[in-house]
């Protein structure tokens, strides 16, 4: 595609009408650096969409006129950088184009009060209203499919996500982790204003945050007063330093796994922000739902795409059921069951085909546990109190360090109630019966009675939902996804989008 520069809103409208692809939009205020380059190149590599970069210094988000006047402008270099790194078009409007005088059609948008009242919003009154107004205006002009933003401005990212949600805009927000310079400070257009000594101060500030992150990984607690004391000892002017919930920006609670340590300091006339995310363990995705809803297939694909551990809890119950049948153990006799549970070992191993095999007491039972005989008994076995207690404890041990995606019929309610993302995957009985029939037919080439399968699924649902121990229910904070009419890949992509929306990119690469 030929590189093009657009300057008028009418030109944007004409250009948009004459392209056949969806649009990736990267809004900037110019003075582009490696952080912007990462945004543009990420958009370029993500898909085959057209990439549009905007360069516009928005006057509404400056609470200081001298800051607006002194904001660095490097338009010629910005154009070269944009095109060299994947931009197909650049939009460089004037203030009059974005905010036409006496135009009553311009909607001035208020930022979420809850999100904009904390951190930067404490002293930058109206700043986020200005950000929301210009982004809303640009999104309505450009109508992109994807909006690319950096996590460096985390509070701004949250506010813009809220804007898209409340205004019901048909755009997906894609984010990239904070990009840091060679000395560890976050890349910012304002860094050019720093003197040698001021850069030393911001480096000290950023380093203290990174040290706090490393310490937190070991001790699971943060010492704010000690950090502030160190900063003040270096004569660093602290505007704020807060330890908060990463999505609500409210005070962090003990049970929160992921939190944010965010601060702002002043170096001379320049104000700079930085943050780090703190984690007690890596994130967990918990996928619940009835039998035959596609949990296993979907979970395997998600684990592979996100490079997470796949914890097949259903296979653990099936493996135990298989052993009880093989050893002819009367599981109704509590003492016999307790004795055998003491000596059971269930492990997962990747095989040469990059699939996961299930071993119980050193027996590989990957195929054996999928028979109709096991399917008919596993619900009864899993409803036994001793069995559930044993396997839930085993699953929690595996999940202590996180970094996994697990599926089961109580994984989000009982096993991992504090999972970062909970999905309740379901489908109609007709859909599940058709899938089970196709799956069985493809494996053994035998004709399966569809009506019988429906009755078996109904019976299984009833037993799972009415068992005394950990019945099948949807967790209050789970997101329900009905898979009827959707391909496996569509369901997987939707869950990964939800994961990316909830989990900061920086924590995904730790």
Protein backbone atom coordinates (compact mmCIF):
# COMPACT_ATOMS: atom_id res chain seq x y z
CA UNK A 1 0.00 0.00 0.00
CA UNK A 2 1.22 3.48 -0.88
CA UNK A 3 2.18 5.62 2.12
CA UNK A 4 -0.19 8.51 2.60
CA UNK A 5 -0.38 11.57 4.88
CA UNK A 6 -3.83 12.87 5.81
CA UNK A 7 -4.42 16.27 7.39
CA UNK A 8 -8.15 16.98 7.19
CA UNK A 9 -11.07 15.10 8.70
CA UNK A 10 -12.66 14.97 5.23
CA UNK A 11 -9.53 13.25 3.93
CA UNK A 12 -9.82 10.63 6.67
CA UNK A 13 -13.42 9.91 5.68
CA UNK A 14 -12.56 9.59 1.98
CA UNK A 15 -9.52 7.44 2.69
CA UNK A 16 -11.50 5.13 4.95
CA UNK A 17 -14.18 4.64 2.29
CA UNK A 18 -11.56 3.63 -0.27
CA UNK A 19 -9.75 0.91 1.66
CA UNK A 20 -10.93 -2.68 1.87
CA UNK A 21 -9.14 -3.67 5.09
CA UNK A 22 -9.90 -3.11 8.74
CA UNK A 23 -7.86 -0.42 10.51
CA UNK A 24 -5.33 -0.65 13.33
CA UNK A 25 -5.13 2.76 15.00
CA UNK A 26 -2.10 4.03 16.96
CA UNK A 27 -2.77 7.49 18.47
CA UNK A 28 0.30 9.57 19.45
CA UNK A 29 1.24 13.13 20.32
CA UNK A 30 4.43 12.90 18.26
CA UNK A 31 8.08 13.03 19.31
CA UNK A 32 8.10 9.30 18.67
CA UNK A 33 10.48 7.00 20.54
CA UNK A 34 11.07 3.26 20.79
CA UNK A 35 7.86 2.80 22.76
CA UNK A 36 5.85 4.18 19.85
CA UNK A 37 7.91 2.08 17.44
CA UNK A 38 6.95 -1.02 19.43
CA UNK A 39 3.25 -0.08 19.17
CA UNK A 40 3.43 0.48 15.40
CA UNK A 41 5.46 -2.66 14.69
CA UNK A 42 3.22 -4.78 16.95
CA UNK A 43 0.15 -3.62 15.04
CA UNK A 44 1.95 -4.39 11.78
CA UNK A 45 2.85 -7.92 12.89
CA UNK A 46 -0.50 -8.75 14.48
CA UNK A 47 -2.59 -8.92 11.31
CA UNK A 48 -3.03 -7.74 7.74
CA UNK A 49 -5.03 -4.65 8.67
CA UNK A 50 -4.16 -1.14 7.51
CA UNK A 51 -2.09 0.73 10.13
CA UNK A 52 -2.93 4.37 10.81
CA UNK A 53 -0.81 6.53 13.14
CA UNK A 54 -2.14 9.88 14.33
CA UNK A 55 0.09 12.75 15.47
CA UNK A 56 -1.84 15.36 17.42
CA UNK A 57 -0.83 17.32 20.51
CA UNK A 58 -4.17 17.53 22.30
CA UNK A 59 -4.54 20.87 24.13
CA UNK A 60 -7.43 19.59 26.28
CA UNK A 61 -5.21 17.23 28.28
CA UNK A 62 -2.68 19.88 29.36
CA UNK A 63 -3.40 21.60 32.66
CA UNK A 64 -0.27 23.74 32.22
CA UNK A 65 -0.03 26.11 29.23
CA UNK A 66 3.75 26.21 29.33
CA UNK A 67 3.84 22.40 29.27
CA UNK A 68 1.71 22.48 26.11
CA UNK A 69 3.89 25.15 24.54
CA UNK A 70 7.11 23.30 25.34
CA UNK A 71 5.88 19.85 24.31
CA UNK A 72 8.56 18.56 21.88
CA UNK A 73 7.53 18.62 18.20
CA UNK A 74 9.55 16.54 15.71
CA UNK A 75 7.03 16.05 12.92
CA UNK A 76 9.42 15.27 10.03
CA UNK A 77 11.25 12.63 12.03
CA UNK A 78 7.93 11.23 13.32
CA UNK A 79 6.75 10.69 9.74
CA UNK A 80 9.96 8.82 8.83
CA UNK A 81 9.76 6.65 11.96
CA UNK A 82 6.09 5.81 11.42
CA UNK A 83 6.45 4.71 7.81
CA UNK A 84 9.70 2.86 8.48
CA UNK A 85 8.07 0.73 11.17
CA UNK A 86 4.80 -0.28 9.58
CA UNK A 87 2.43 2.69 9.29
CA UNK A 88 0.45 2.77 6.04
CA UNK A 89 -1.03 6.20 6.69
CA UNK A 90 -0.47 9.10 9.08
CA UNK A 91 -3.15 11.51 10.27
CA UNK A 92 -1.76 14.95 11.25
CA UNK A 93 -4.74 17.19 11.97
CA UNK A 94 -4.74 20.74 13.27
CA UNK A 95 -6.53 21.75 16.46
CA UNK A 96 -9.23 23.40 14.31
CA UNK A 97 -9.80 20.09 12.49
CA UNK A 98 -10.30 18.14 15.70
CA UNK A 99 -12.17 20.89 17.55
CA UNK A 100 -13.83 23.11 14.90
CA UNK A 101 -14.79 26.52 16.35
CA UNK A 102 -18.48 26.87 17.19
CA UNK A 103 -19.15 23.24 16.22
CA UNK A 104 -21.82 22.04 18.59
CA UNK A 105 -21.46 18.44 17.34
CA UNK A 106 -18.18 17.94 19.23
CA UNK A 107 -18.92 15.85 22.30
CA UNK A 108 -16.78 16.61 25.34
CA UNK A 109 -16.46 13.37 27.26
CA UNK A 110 -16.01 12.94 31.01
CA UNK A 111 -13.63 10.23 32.18
CA UNK A 112 -14.79 7.61 34.68
CA UNK A 113 -14.87 9.42 38.02
CA UNK A 114 -13.79 6.32 39.96
CA UNK A 115 -10.76 5.67 37.74
CA UNK A 116 -9.74 9.30 37.19
CA UNK A 117 -9.90 10.34 40.85
CA UNK A 118 -6.79 8.39 41.84
CA UNK A 119 -3.08 8.69 41.00
CA UNK A 120 -2.53 11.30 38.24
CA UNK A 121 -6.10 12.51 38.56
CA UNK A 122 -5.41 13.83 42.05
CA UNK A 123 -3.44 16.80 40.72
CA UNK A 124 -4.18 16.85 36.99
CA UNK A 125 -7.79 17.99 37.14
CA UNK A 126 -9.56 17.54 33.80
CA UNK A 127 -6.58 15.81 32.16
CA UNK A 128 -8.37 12.51 31.57
CA UNK A 129 -11.51 14.30 30.36
CA UNK A 130 -9.29 15.78 27.66
CA UNK A 131 -7.84 12.36 26.80
CA UNK A 132 -11.30 10.77 26.57
CA UNK A 133 -12.63 13.62 24.44
CA UNK A 134 -9.87 13.45 21.83
CA UNK A 135 -9.80 9.64 21.65
CA UNK A 136 -13.58 9.48 21.35
CA UNK A 137 -13.43 12.06 18.57
CA UNK A 138 -10.66 10.18 16.74
CA UNK A 139 -12.36 6.80 17.10
CA UNK A 140 -15.57 8.17 15.62
CA UNK A 141 -13.64 9.66 12.70
CA UNK A 142 -11.44 6.64 11.98
CA UNK A 143 -13.67 3.74 13.06
CA UNK A 144 -10.78 1.31 13.59
CA UNK A 145 -11.10 -2.37 14.46
CA UNK A 146 -8.17 -2.24 16.90
CA UNK A 147 -6.77 0.53 19.09
CA UNK A 148 -3.12 0.10 20.18
CA UNK A 149 -2.01 1.64 23.48
CA UNK A 150 0.97 1.31 25.82
CA UNK A 151 0.77 0.08 29.40
CA UNK A 152 3.18 2.82 30.51
CA UNK A 153 0.15 5.07 30.94
CA UNK A 154 -1.74 2.36 32.83
CA UNK A 155 -4.37 4.62 34.37
CA UNK A 156 -5.08 6.15 30.97
CA UNK A 157 -5.40 2.66 29.49
CA UNK A 158 -7.99 1.69 32.11
CA UNK A 159 -9.95 4.89 31.51
CA UNK A 160 -9.99 4.38 27.74
CA UNK A 161 -11.13 0.77 28.17
CA UNK A 162 -13.97 2.13 30.29
CA UNK A 163 -14.73 4.72 27.58
CA UNK A 164 -15.01 2.03 24.91
CA UNK A 165 -17.25 -0.02 27.20
CA UNK A 166 -19.60 2.76 28.31
CA UNK A 167 -19.87 4.29 24.82
CA UNK A 168 -20.38 0.79 23.33
CA UNK A 169 -17.71 1.39 20.70
CA UNK A 170 -16.94 -1.47 18.33
CA UNK A 171 -13.18 -1.43 18.81
CA UNK A 172 -10.76 -3.84 20.50
CA UNK A 173 -8.00 -2.37 22.67
CA UNK A 174 -4.59 -4.02 22.29
CA UNK A 175 -1.82 -3.10 24.73
CA UNK A 176 1.93 -3.58 24.95
CA UNK A 177 4.11 -3.67 28.10
CA UNK A 178 5.97 -0.61 29.32
CA UNK A 179 9.08 -0.11 27.18
CA UNK A 180 12.20 0.94 29.10
CA UNK A 181 15.39 2.68 28.04
CA UNK A 182 18.90 1.26 28.49
CA UNK A 183 19.07 2.54 32.08
CA UNK A 184 15.67 1.17 33.13
CA UNK A 185 13.56 4.34 32.99
CA UNK A 186 10.29 4.15 31.02
CA UNK A 187 10.42 5.66 27.55
CA UNK A 188 8.61 9.00 27.42
CA UNK A 189 8.48 11.95 25.06
CA UNK A 190 9.27 14.17 28.04
CA UNK A 191 12.61 12.48 28.70
CA UNK A 192 14.29 14.90 26.28
CA UNK A 193 13.77 17.66 28.86
CA UNK A 194 15.82 15.86 31.52
CA UNK A 195 19.24 17.12 32.53
CA UNK A 196 21.95 14.61 33.40
CA UNK A 197 21.23 14.95 37.11
CA UNK A 198 17.45 14.75 36.62
CA UNK A 199 17.83 11.57 34.60
CA UNK A 200 19.87 10.16 37.47
CA UNK A 201 16.96 10.87 39.82
CA UNK A 202 14.34 9.22 37.61
CA UNK A 203 16.68 6.25 37.18
CA UNK A 204 16.91 5.93 40.98
CA UNK A 205 13.10 6.12 41.24
CA UNK A 206 12.49 3.49 38.56
CA UNK A 207 15.16 1.24 40.01
CA UNK A 208 13.52 1.37 43.45
CA UNK A 209 10.23 0.23 41.89
CA UNK A 210 11.95 -2.64 40.09
CA UNK A 211 13.74 -3.66 43.30
CA UNK A 212 10.41 -3.56 45.16
CA UNK A 213 8.95 -5.85 42.51
CA UNK A 214 11.78 -8.34 42.91
CA UNK A 215 11.52 -8.22 46.71
CA UNK A 216 7.75 -8.73 46.56
CA UNK A 217 8.19 -11.90 44.50
CA UNK A 218 10.18 -13.33 47.40
CA UNK A 219 8.44 -11.87 50.46
CA UNK A 220 4.87 -11.25 49.17
CA UNK A 221 4.72 -7.86 50.89
CA UNK A 222 5.61 -4.27 50.09
CA UNK A 223 7.35 -1.72 52.31
CA UNK A 224 6.07 1.62 51.01
CA UNK A 225 7.44 3.70 53.86
CA UNK A 226 10.97 2.39 53.28
CA UNK A 227 10.80 3.19 49.54
CA UNK A 228 9.49 6.71 50.19
CA UNK A 229 12.22 7.28 52.78
CA UNK A 230 14.90 6.32 50.24
CA UNK A 231 13.42 8.60 47.58
CA UNK A 232 13.23 11.57 49.93
CA UNK A 233 16.83 10.94 50.98
CA UNK A 234 17.82 11.50 47.34
CA UNK A 235 15.82 14.77 47.35
CA UNK A 236 13.29 13.34 44.89
CA UNK A 237 10.00 15.24 44.84
CA UNK A 238 7.26 12.62 45.16
CA UNK A 239 3.81 13.55 43.87
CA UNK A 240 2.36 10.17 44.83
CA UNK A 241 3.37 6.55 45.41
CA UNK A 242 0.51 4.09 45.85
CA UNK A 243 -0.01 0.32 46.10
CA UNK A 244 -3.40 -0.38 44.50
CA UNK A 245 -5.66 -2.93 42.82
CA UNK A 246 -4.60 -2.85 39.14
CA UNK A 247 -8.11 -2.49 37.68
CA UNK A 248 -10.13 -0.51 40.24
CA UNK A 249 -7.22 1.68 41.46
CA UNK A 250 -8.59 1.22 44.96
CA UNK A 251 -6.51 0.15 47.97
CA UNK A 252 -5.15 -3.34 47.43
CA UNK A 253 -6.54 -6.20 49.55
CA UNK A 254 -4.67 -9.17 50.95
CA UNK A 255 -6.48 -11.63 48.67
CA UNK A 256 -5.52 -9.75 45.50
CA UNK A 257 -2.90 -11.72 43.58
CA UNK A 258 -1.93 -8.95 41.16
CA UNK A 259 -1.45 -5.35 42.29
CA UNK A 260 0.23 -2.21 40.99
CA UNK A 261 2.86 -0.01 42.63
CA UNK A 262 2.54 3.32 40.84
CA UNK A 263 4.23 6.64 41.39
CA UNK A 264 4.85 10.10 39.96
CA UNK A 265 7.83 12.35 40.67
CA UNK A 266 9.02 15.76 39.53
CA UNK A 267 12.48 16.41 38.16
CA UNK A 268 12.85 20.15 37.72
CA UNK A 269 9.89 21.24 35.58
CA UNK A 270 9.31 17.74 34.23
CA UNK A 271 6.78 15.35 35.71
CA UNK A 272 7.37 11.62 35.17
CA UNK A 273 5.37 8.51 36.02
CA UNK A 274 6.33 4.85 36.42
CA UNK A 275 4.84 1.67 37.81
CA UNK A 276 5.45 -2.03 38.29
CA UNK A 277 3.02 -4.91 38.71
CA UNK A 278 3.40 -7.14 41.75
CA UNK A 279 2.33 -10.79 41.71
CA UNK A 280 2.13 -13.41 44.44
CA UNK A 281 1.89 -16.09 41.77
CA UNK A 282 1.44 -16.23 38.00
CA UNK A 283 -2.14 -15.90 36.67
CA UNK A 284 -4.65 -18.77 36.57
CA UNK A 285 -7.48 -19.35 34.11
CA UNK A 286 -10.27 -21.58 35.45
CA UNK A 287 -12.73 -23.08 32.98
CA UNK A 288 -15.88 -24.68 34.43
CA UNK A 289 -18.90 -26.09 32.69
CA UNK A 290 -20.95 -29.23 32.09
CA UNK A 291 -19.68 -32.40 30.43
CA UNK A 292 -19.33 -32.21 26.65
CA UNK A 293 -19.15 -28.41 26.48
CA UNK A 294 -15.69 -28.50 24.90
CA UNK A 295 -13.71 -27.59 28.02
CA UNK A 296 -10.89 -30.04 27.43
CA UNK A 297 -10.23 -29.13 23.78
CA UNK A 298 -10.50 -25.39 24.42
CA UNK A 299 -8.31 -25.52 27.52
CA UNK A 300 -5.55 -27.44 25.73
CA UNK A 301 -5.44 -24.88 22.90
CA UNK A 302 -5.42 -21.92 25.28
CA UNK A 303 -2.57 -23.45 27.28
CA UNK A 304 -0.58 -23.99 24.10
CA UNK A 305 -1.18 -20.47 22.75
CA UNK A 306 -0.48 -18.70 26.04
CA UNK A 307 2.34 -21.09 27.00
CA UNK A 308 0.62 -22.01 30.25
CA UNK A 309 0.50 -25.36 32.04
CA UNK A 310 -2.59 -27.39 31.12
CA UNK A 311 -4.19 -28.90 34.23
CA UNK A 312 -6.76 -31.51 33.17
CA UNK A 313 -8.61 -32.06 36.44
CA UNK A 314 -11.20 -34.26 34.76
CA UNK A 315 -8.41 -36.62 33.71
CA UNK A 316 -7.36 -36.90 37.36
CA UNK A 317 -10.85 -38.07 38.37
CA UNK A 318 -11.00 -40.42 35.39
CA UNK A 319 -7.57 -41.85 36.17
CA UNK A 320 -8.60 -42.56 39.74
CA UNK A 321 -11.84 -44.14 38.54
CA UNK A 322 -9.85 -46.33 36.16
CA UNK A 323 -7.57 -47.52 38.98
CA UNK A 324 -10.49 -48.36 41.27
CA UNK A 325 -12.08 -50.46 38.53
CA UNK A 326 -8.78 -52.12 37.54
CA UNK A 327 -7.91 -53.01 41.12
CA UNK A 328 -11.53 -54.08 41.78
CA UNK A 329 -11.68 -51.85 44.84
CA UNK A 330 -15.01 -51.29 46.54
CA UNK A 331 -14.85 -47.50 46.81
CA UNK A 332 -17.98 -47.49 48.96
CA UNK A 333 -15.92 -48.89 51.84
CA UNK A 334 -14.32 -45.79 53.33
CA UNK A 335 -11.27 -47.50 54.89
CA UNK A 336 -10.29 -49.24 51.64
CA UNK A 337 -10.63 -45.98 49.74
CA UNK A 338 -8.58 -44.02 52.27
CA UNK A 339 -5.80 -46.62 52.16
CA UNK A 340 -5.49 -46.55 48.39
CA UNK A 341 -5.55 -42.72 48.26
CA UNK A 342 -2.44 -42.62 50.45
CA UNK A 343 -0.38 -44.32 47.75
CA UNK A 344 -1.75 -42.70 44.61
CA UNK A 345 0.41 -40.58 42.31
CA UNK A 346 -1.11 -38.78 39.33
CA UNK A 347 1.21 -36.86 37.02
CA UNK A 348 1.02 -35.26 33.58
CA UNK A 349 3.84 -35.64 31.05
CA UNK A 350 4.27 -34.24 27.56
CA UNK A 351 4.72 -36.96 24.95
CA UNK A 352 6.72 -36.93 21.70
CA UNK A 353 3.72 -35.47 19.83
CA UNK A 354 3.63 -32.46 22.23
CA UNK A 355 0.41 -33.82 23.75
CA UNK A 356 -0.14 -34.51 27.43
CA UNK A 357 -0.26 -38.07 28.78
CA UNK A 358 -1.82 -39.00 32.12
CA UNK A 359 -0.04 -41.41 34.45
CA UNK A 360 -1.44 -42.97 37.61
CA UNK A 361 1.02 -44.95 39.69
CA UNK A 362 3.32 -45.03 36.64
CA UNK A 363 0.60 -46.42 34.31
CA UNK A 364 -0.10 -44.32 31.20
CA UNK A 365 -3.91 -44.19 31.03
CA UNK A 366 -4.45 -41.41 28.49
CA UNK A 367 -6.67 -43.50 26.21
CA UNK A 368 -8.15 -45.90 28.75
CA UNK A 369 -9.79 -43.14 30.80
CA UNK A 370 -11.90 -41.97 27.83
CA UNK A 371 -13.97 -45.15 27.51
CA UNK A 372 -17.73 -45.27 28.07
CA UNK A 373 -17.14 -47.49 31.12
CA UNK A 374 -15.16 -44.71 32.82
CA UNK A 375 -17.58 -42.00 31.67
CA UNK A 376 -20.45 -43.92 33.27
CA UNK A 377 -18.78 -44.11 36.68
CA UNK A 378 -16.61 -41.01 37.01
CA UNK A 379 -19.44 -38.77 38.24
CA UNK A 380 -20.16 -41.17 41.12
CA UNK A 381 -16.47 -41.43 42.01
CA UNK A 382 -16.01 -37.66 41.92
CA UNK A 383 -18.95 -37.14 44.28
CA UNK A 384 -17.20 -39.10 47.07
CA UNK A 385 -16.02 -36.72 49.77
CA UNK A 386 -12.61 -38.40 50.33
CA UNK A 387 -11.89 -38.46 46.60
CA UNK A 388 -12.72 -34.81 46.09
CA UNK A 389 -10.73 -33.72 49.13
CA UNK A 390 -7.68 -35.66 47.96
CA UNK A 391 -7.76 -34.45 44.36
CA UNK A 392 -8.63 -30.84 45.19
CA UNK A 393 -5.58 -30.71 47.45
CA UNK A 394 -3.43 -32.22 44.69
CA UNK A 395 -4.73 -29.67 42.17
CA UNK A 396 -4.10 -26.75 44.52
CA UNK A 397 -0.52 -27.95 45.05
CA UNK A 398 0.01 -27.88 41.30
CA UNK A 399 -1.49 -24.38 41.15
CA UNK A 400 0.51 -22.83 43.98
CA UNK A 401 2.85 -21.03 41.59
CA UNK A 402 0.10 -20.32 39.03
CA UNK A 403 0.83 -20.02 35.36
CA UNK A 404 -1.81 -22.54 34.35
CA UNK A 405 -5.16 -23.02 32.70
CA UNK A 406 -7.37 -25.63 34.36
CA UNK A 407 -10.69 -27.15 33.46
CA UNK A 408 -13.23 -29.05 35.52
CA UNK A 409 -16.72 -28.83 36.91
CA UNK A 410 -15.78 -26.99 40.11
CA UNK A 411 -12.41 -25.51 39.19
CA UNK A 412 -13.52 -21.89 39.61
CA UNK A 413 -15.82 -22.39 42.58
CA UNK A 414 -13.84 -24.83 44.73
CA UNK A 415 -10.30 -25.47 43.49
CA UNK A 416 -9.19 -22.00 42.37
CA UNK A 417 -11.81 -19.52 43.66
CA UNK A 418 -9.23 -16.69 43.31
CA UNK A 419 -8.38 -17.40 39.67
CA UNK A 420 -7.82 -14.19 37.68
CA UNK A 421 -10.15 -15.32 34.88
CA UNK A 422 -13.08 -17.68 35.33
CA UNK A 423 -15.00 -19.02 32.34
CA UNK A 424 -18.23 -21.03 32.45
CA UNK A 425 -18.22 -22.86 29.14
CA UNK A 426 -21.51 -24.43 28.13
CA UNK A 427 -23.61 -25.61 25.18
CA UNK A 428 -27.08 -27.02 24.61
CA UNK A 429 -27.68 -30.74 25.20
CA UNK A 430 -28.33 -31.21 21.46
CA UNK A 431 -25.00 -29.58 20.60
CA UNK A 432 -23.07 -31.56 23.19
CA UNK A 433 -24.64 -34.85 22.06
CA UNK A 434 -23.73 -34.15 18.42
CA UNK A 435 -20.13 -33.37 19.39
CA UNK A 436 -19.86 -36.51 21.53
CA UNK A 437 -21.29 -38.63 18.73
CA UNK A 438 -18.85 -37.22 16.19
CA UNK A 439 -15.95 -37.65 18.60
CA UNK A 440 -16.78 -41.26 19.36
CA UNK A 441 -17.47 -42.13 15.74
CA UNK A 442 -14.12 -40.67 14.65
CA UNK A 443 -12.36 -42.80 17.27
CA UNK A 444 -13.98 -46.23 16.88
CA UNK A 445 -16.05 -45.96 13.65
CA UNK A 446 -19.15 -47.29 15.46
CA UNK A 447 -22.60 -45.80 14.99
CA UNK A 448 -23.68 -44.05 18.19
CA UNK A 449 -27.33 -43.54 19.09
CA UNK A 450 -27.90 -39.78 19.39
CA UNK A 451 -30.98 -40.11 21.58
CA UNK A 452 -29.08 -42.31 24.03
CA UNK A 453 -26.25 -39.80 24.18
CA UNK A 454 -28.70 -37.00 25.01
CA UNK A 455 -30.17 -39.03 27.84
CA UNK A 456 -26.72 -39.83 29.20
CA UNK A 457 -25.76 -36.13 29.12
CA UNK A 458 -29.00 -35.14 30.86
CA UNK A 459 -28.35 -37.74 33.55
CA UNK A 460 -24.73 -36.58 33.93
CA UNK A 461 -25.82 -32.92 34.23
CA UNK A 462 -28.38 -33.87 36.89
CA UNK A 463 -25.83 -35.84 38.91
CA UNK A 464 -23.16 -33.14 38.63
CA UNK A 465 -25.58 -30.35 39.59
CA UNK A 466 -27.17 -32.18 42.52
CA UNK A 467 -24.23 -33.89 44.16
CA UNK A 468 -23.67 -32.99 47.79
CA UNK A 469 -19.97 -32.16 47.41
CA UNK A 470 -19.01 -29.33 45.03
CA UNK A 471 -22.05 -29.40 42.74
CA UNK A 472 -21.77 -27.98 39.23
CA UNK A 473 -22.61 -24.27 39.54
CA UNK A 474 -21.42 -21.15 37.81
CA UNK A 475 -19.14 -18.98 39.95
CA UNK A 476 -20.55 -15.51 40.61
CA UNK A 477 -17.63 -13.83 38.85
CA UNK A 478 -17.38 -16.31 35.96
CA UNK A 479 -18.02 -15.21 32.38
CA UNK A 480 -20.48 -17.52 30.65
CA UNK A 481 -19.72 -18.49 27.05
CA UNK A 482 -22.33 -20.49 25.10
CA UNK A 483 -20.48 -22.33 22.34
CA UNK A 484 -23.40 -23.35 20.11
CA UNK A 485 -22.69 -22.21 16.57
CA UNK A 486 -19.10 -21.22 17.32
CA UNK A 487 -15.93 -22.94 16.20
CA UNK A 488 -13.32 -24.04 18.71
CA UNK A 489 -10.92 -21.37 17.46
CA UNK A 490 -13.55 -18.65 17.91
CA UNK A 491 -14.10 -19.71 21.52
CA UNK A 492 -10.35 -19.92 22.17
CA UNK A 493 -9.75 -16.46 20.68
CA UNK A 494 -12.55 -14.97 22.79
CA UNK A 495 -11.11 -16.38 26.02
CA UNK A 496 -7.59 -15.21 25.11
CA UNK A 497 -8.98 -11.71 24.44
CA UNK A 498 -10.62 -11.78 27.90
CA UNK A 499 -7.32 -12.92 29.42
CA UNK A 500 -5.38 -10.14 27.70
CA UNK A 501 -7.93 -7.62 28.91
CA UNK A 502 -7.62 -8.75 32.53
CA UNK A 503 -3.92 -9.56 32.79
CA UNK A 504 -1.32 -6.82 32.17
CA UNK A 505 1.07 -7.81 29.39
CA UNK A 506 4.04 -7.19 31.68
CA UNK A 507 2.89 -9.96 34.04
CA UNK A 508 2.35 -12.39 31.17
CA UNK A 509 6.02 -12.34 30.23
CA UNK A 510 7.46 -12.78 33.74
